[in-house]
């Protein structure tokens, strides 16, 4: 019903930048909060940043001041601008969206396939 396609991951040197995008498609009545999570090898998945439909953001302390989350509601797209990347940012990054597919349905969460971000030192 709902599909998420992520892009923008890759290999970058420390101090560099990457921009991740997540495009949501399918049966959509309303998209609520959208967010980025990441999971490094041997570690739990953690919230990086999220943004409400009204534009309010939450940024993890570890990336505050370096990452910026944004969304384009007209295009159902979520973005994450990552600057001043550090080796500890290396992880698989996952897009997550809270979607209401019909006016009478409850809100459900959907995950993207993940995109690898590798930061070399």
C-alpha atoms as a PDB file:
ATOM      1  CA  UNK A   1       0.000   0.000   0.000  1.00  0.00           C
ATOM      2  CA  UNK A   2       2.787   2.380   0.925  1.00  0.00           C
ATOM      3  CA  UNK A   3       6.266   2.293  -0.550  1.00  0.00           C
ATOM      4  CA  UNK A   4       9.370   4.145   0.564  1.00  0.00           C
ATOM      5  CA  UNK A   5      12.406   4.512  -1.670  1.00  0.00           C
ATOM      6  CA  UNK A   6      15.608   5.861  -0.180  1.00  0.00           C
ATOM      7  CA  UNK A   7      18.600   7.252  -2.011  1.00  0.00           C
ATOM      8  CA  UNK A   8      21.716   9.299  -1.452  1.00  0.00           C
ATOM      9  CA  UNK A   9      23.877   6.999   0.616  1.00  0.00           C
ATOM     10  CA  UNK A  10      27.481   6.295  -0.209  1.00  0.00           C
ATOM     11  CA  UNK A  11      31.096   6.571   0.834  1.00  0.00           C
ATOM     12  CA  UNK A  12      32.468   9.922   1.923  1.00  0.00           C
ATOM     13  CA  UNK A  13      35.518  11.169   3.777  1.00  0.00           C
ATOM     14  CA  UNK A  14      35.259  12.669   7.235  1.00  0.00           C
ATOM     15  CA  UNK A  15      34.171  16.268   7.035  1.00  0.00           C
ATOM     16  CA  UNK A  16      32.229  15.693   3.862  1.00  0.00           C
ATOM     17  CA  UNK A  17      28.529  15.898   3.158  1.00  0.00           C
ATOM     18  CA  UNK A  18      25.736  13.688   1.904  1.00  0.00           C
ATOM     19  CA  UNK A  19      22.073  14.261   1.263  1.00  0.00           C
ATOM     20  CA  UNK A  20      19.598  11.444   1.797  1.00  0.00           C
ATOM     21  CA  UNK A  21      16.144  11.400   0.272  1.00  0.00           C
ATOM     22  CA  UNK A  22      13.093   9.269   0.906  1.00  0.00           C
ATOM     23  CA  UNK A  23      10.180   9.294  -1.516  1.00  0.00           C
ATOM     24  CA  UNK A  24       6.849   7.976  -0.288  1.00  0.00           C
ATOM     25  CA  UNK A  25       4.271   6.635  -2.713  1.00  0.00           C
ATOM     26  CA  UNK A  26       1.151   4.498  -2.740  1.00  0.00           C
ATOM     27  CA  UNK A  27      -2.129   4.823  -0.961  1.00  0.00           C
ATOM     28  CA  UNK A  28      -1.788   7.953   1.142  1.00  0.00           C
ATOM     29  CA  UNK A  29      -4.415  10.039   2.829  1.00  0.00           C
ATOM     30  CA  UNK A  30      -2.066  11.911   5.102  1.00  0.00           C
ATOM     31  CA  UNK A  31       1.557  11.680   6.158  1.00  0.00           C
ATOM     32  CA  UNK A  32       2.220  12.648   9.728  1.00  0.00           C
ATOM     33  CA  UNK A  33       5.668  12.537  11.278  1.00  0.00           C
ATOM     34  CA  UNK A  34       8.595  11.498   9.081  1.00  0.00           C
ATOM     35  CA  UNK A  35      11.982  10.578  10.411  1.00  0.00           C
ATOM     36  CA  UNK A  36      15.414   9.136   9.867  1.00  0.00           C
ATOM     37  CA  UNK A  37      16.849   6.317  11.944  1.00  0.00           C
ATOM     38  CA  UNK A  38      20.226   4.661  11.710  1.00  0.00           C
ATOM     39  CA  UNK A  39      21.739   1.387  12.778  1.00  0.00           C
ATOM     40  CA  UNK A  40      25.443   0.709  13.028  1.00  0.00           C
ATOM     41  CA  UNK A  41      26.862  -2.832  13.208  1.00  0.00           C
ATOM     42  CA  UNK A  42      26.304  -4.323  16.636  1.00  0.00           C
ATOM     43  CA  UNK A  43      24.186  -1.419  17.805  1.00  0.00           C
ATOM     44  CA  UNK A  44      20.488  -0.738  18.198  1.00  0.00           C
ATOM     45  CA  UNK A  45      18.572   1.340  15.721  1.00  0.00           C
ATOM     46  CA  UNK A  46      18.373   4.925  16.915  1.00  0.00           C
ATOM     47  CA  UNK A  47      16.464   8.026  15.967  1.00  0.00           C
ATOM     48  CA  UNK A  48      18.543  10.575  14.103  1.00  0.00           C
ATOM     49  CA  UNK A  49      15.906  13.202  13.426  1.00  0.00           C
ATOM     50  CA  UNK A  50      12.234  13.549  12.717  1.00  0.00           C
ATOM     51  CA  UNK A  51       9.871  16.217  11.517  1.00  0.00           C
ATOM     52  CA  UNK A  52       6.149  16.667  11.989  1.00  0.00           C
ATOM     53  CA  UNK A  53       3.682  17.600   9.297  1.00  0.00           C
ATOM     54  CA  UNK A  54       3.807  21.131  10.655  1.00  0.00           C
ATOM     55  CA  UNK A  55       7.574  21.336  10.369  1.00  0.00           C
ATOM     56  CA  UNK A  56       8.628  20.885  13.983  1.00  0.00           C
ATOM     57  CA  UNK A  57      11.896  18.978  14.226  1.00  0.00           C
ATOM     58  CA  UNK A  58      13.658  16.750  16.718  1.00  0.00           C
ATOM     59  CA  UNK A  59      17.388  16.228  16.310  1.00  0.00           C
ATOM     60  CA  UNK A  60      19.555  13.732  18.144  1.00  0.00           C
ATOM     61  CA  UNK A  61      22.263  15.335  20.254  1.00  0.00           C
ATOM     62  CA  UNK A  62      24.960  13.410  18.405  1.00  0.00           C
ATOM     63  CA  UNK A  63      24.121  15.096  15.099  1.00  0.00           C
ATOM     64  CA  UNK A  64      22.745  18.417  16.268  1.00  0.00           C
ATOM     65  CA  UNK A  65      24.308  21.292  14.388  1.00  0.00           C
ATOM     66  CA  UNK A  66      25.505  19.021  11.595  1.00  0.00           C
ATOM     67  CA  UNK A  67      22.354  17.382  10.201  1.00  0.00           C
ATOM     68  CA  UNK A  68      19.228  19.078   8.935  1.00  0.00           C
ATOM     69  CA  UNK A  69      15.943  17.309   8.316  1.00  0.00           C
ATOM     70  CA  UNK A  70      13.347  18.681   5.930  1.00  0.00           C
ATOM     71  CA  UNK A  71      10.304  17.562   4.002  1.00  0.00           C
ATOM     72  CA  UNK A  72       8.475  18.508   0.843  1.00  0.00           C
ATOM     73  CA  UNK A  73       4.823  17.790   1.497  1.00  0.00           C
ATOM     74  CA  UNK A  74       3.832  18.374  -2.124  1.00  0.00           C
ATOM     75  CA  UNK A  75       6.244  15.655  -3.258  1.00  0.00           C
ATOM     76  CA  UNK A  76       5.875  13.334  -0.253  1.00  0.00           C
ATOM     77  CA  UNK A  77       9.618  13.490   0.159  1.00  0.00           C
ATOM     78  CA  UNK A  78      11.823  13.485   3.243  1.00  0.00           C
ATOM     79  CA  UNK A  79      15.403  14.727   3.160  1.00  0.00           C
ATOM     80  CA  UNK A  80      18.382  14.625   5.464  1.00  0.00           C
ATOM     81  CA  UNK A  81      21.262  16.969   4.781  1.00  0.00           C
ATOM     82  CA  UNK A  82      24.350  15.623   6.532  1.00  0.00           C
ATOM     83  CA  UNK A  83      27.341  17.914   6.902  1.00  0.00           C
ATOM     84  CA  UNK A  84      30.631  17.590   8.749  1.00  0.00           C
ATOM     85  CA  UNK A  85      30.307  13.833   8.693  1.00  0.00           C
ATOM     86  CA  UNK A  86      32.256  11.769  11.187  1.00  0.00           C
ATOM     87  CA  UNK A  87      33.282   8.099  11.106  1.00  0.00           C
ATOM     88  CA  UNK A  88      30.826   7.434  13.918  1.00  0.00           C
ATOM     89  CA  UNK A  89      28.019   8.447  11.563  1.00  0.00           C
ATOM     90  CA  UNK A  90      28.662   5.263   9.593  1.00  0.00           C
ATOM     91  CA  UNK A  91      25.473   3.212   9.595  1.00  0.00           C
ATOM     92  CA  UNK A  92      22.532   2.072   7.553  1.00  0.00           C
ATOM     93  CA  UNK A  93      20.043   4.907   7.484  1.00  0.00           C
ATOM     94  CA  UNK A  94      16.336   4.125   7.392  1.00  0.00           C
ATOM     95  CA  UNK A  95      13.452   6.361   6.513  1.00  0.00           C
ATOM     96  CA  UNK A  96      10.318   5.991   8.611  1.00  0.00           C
ATOM     97  CA  UNK A  97       6.967   7.599   7.958  1.00  0.00           C
ATOM     98  CA  UNK A  98       3.690   7.638   9.835  1.00  0.00           C
ATOM     99  CA  UNK A  99       0.932   7.326   7.248  1.00  0.00           C
ATOM    100  CA  UNK A 100      -2.827   7.399   7.370  1.00  0.00           C
ATOM    101  CA  UNK A 101      -3.967   5.632   4.201  1.00  0.00           C
ATOM    102  CA  UNK A 102      -7.668   6.536   4.486  1.00  0.00           C
ATOM    103  CA  UNK A 103      -9.647   9.070   6.440  1.00  0.00           C
ATOM    104  CA  UNK A 104     -10.977   6.360   8.773  1.00  0.00           C
ATOM    105  CA  UNK A 105      -7.747   4.430   9.231  1.00  0.00           C
ATOM    106  CA  UNK A 106      -5.341   4.692  12.097  1.00  0.00           C
ATOM    107  CA  UNK A 107      -1.791   5.874  11.593  1.00  0.00           C
ATOM    108  CA  UNK A 108       0.773   3.186  10.785  1.00  0.00           C
ATOM    109  CA  UNK A 109       4.520   3.311  10.481  1.00  0.00           C
ATOM    110  CA  UNK A 110       6.409   2.279   7.347  1.00  0.00           C
ATOM    111  CA  UNK A 111      10.118   1.681   6.822  1.00  0.00           C
ATOM    112  CA  UNK A 112      12.340   2.240   3.854  1.00  0.00           C
ATOM    113  CA  UNK A 113      14.827  -0.357   2.661  1.00  0.00           C
ATOM    114  CA  UNK A 114      17.798   1.424   4.185  1.00  0.00           C
ATOM    115  CA  UNK A 115      20.749   3.138   2.578  1.00  0.00           C
ATOM    116  CA  UNK A 116      24.370   2.668   3.604  1.00  0.00           C
ATOM    117  CA  UNK A 117      26.373   5.670   4.717  1.00  0.00           C
ATOM    118  CA  UNK A 118      30.072   5.076   5.229  1.00  0.00           C
ATOM    119  CA  UNK A 119      32.386   7.804   6.496  1.00  0.00           C
ATOM    120  CA  UNK A 120      36.093   7.132   6.246  1.00  0.00           C
ATOM    121  CA  UNK A 121      38.725   8.741   8.445  1.00  0.00           C
END
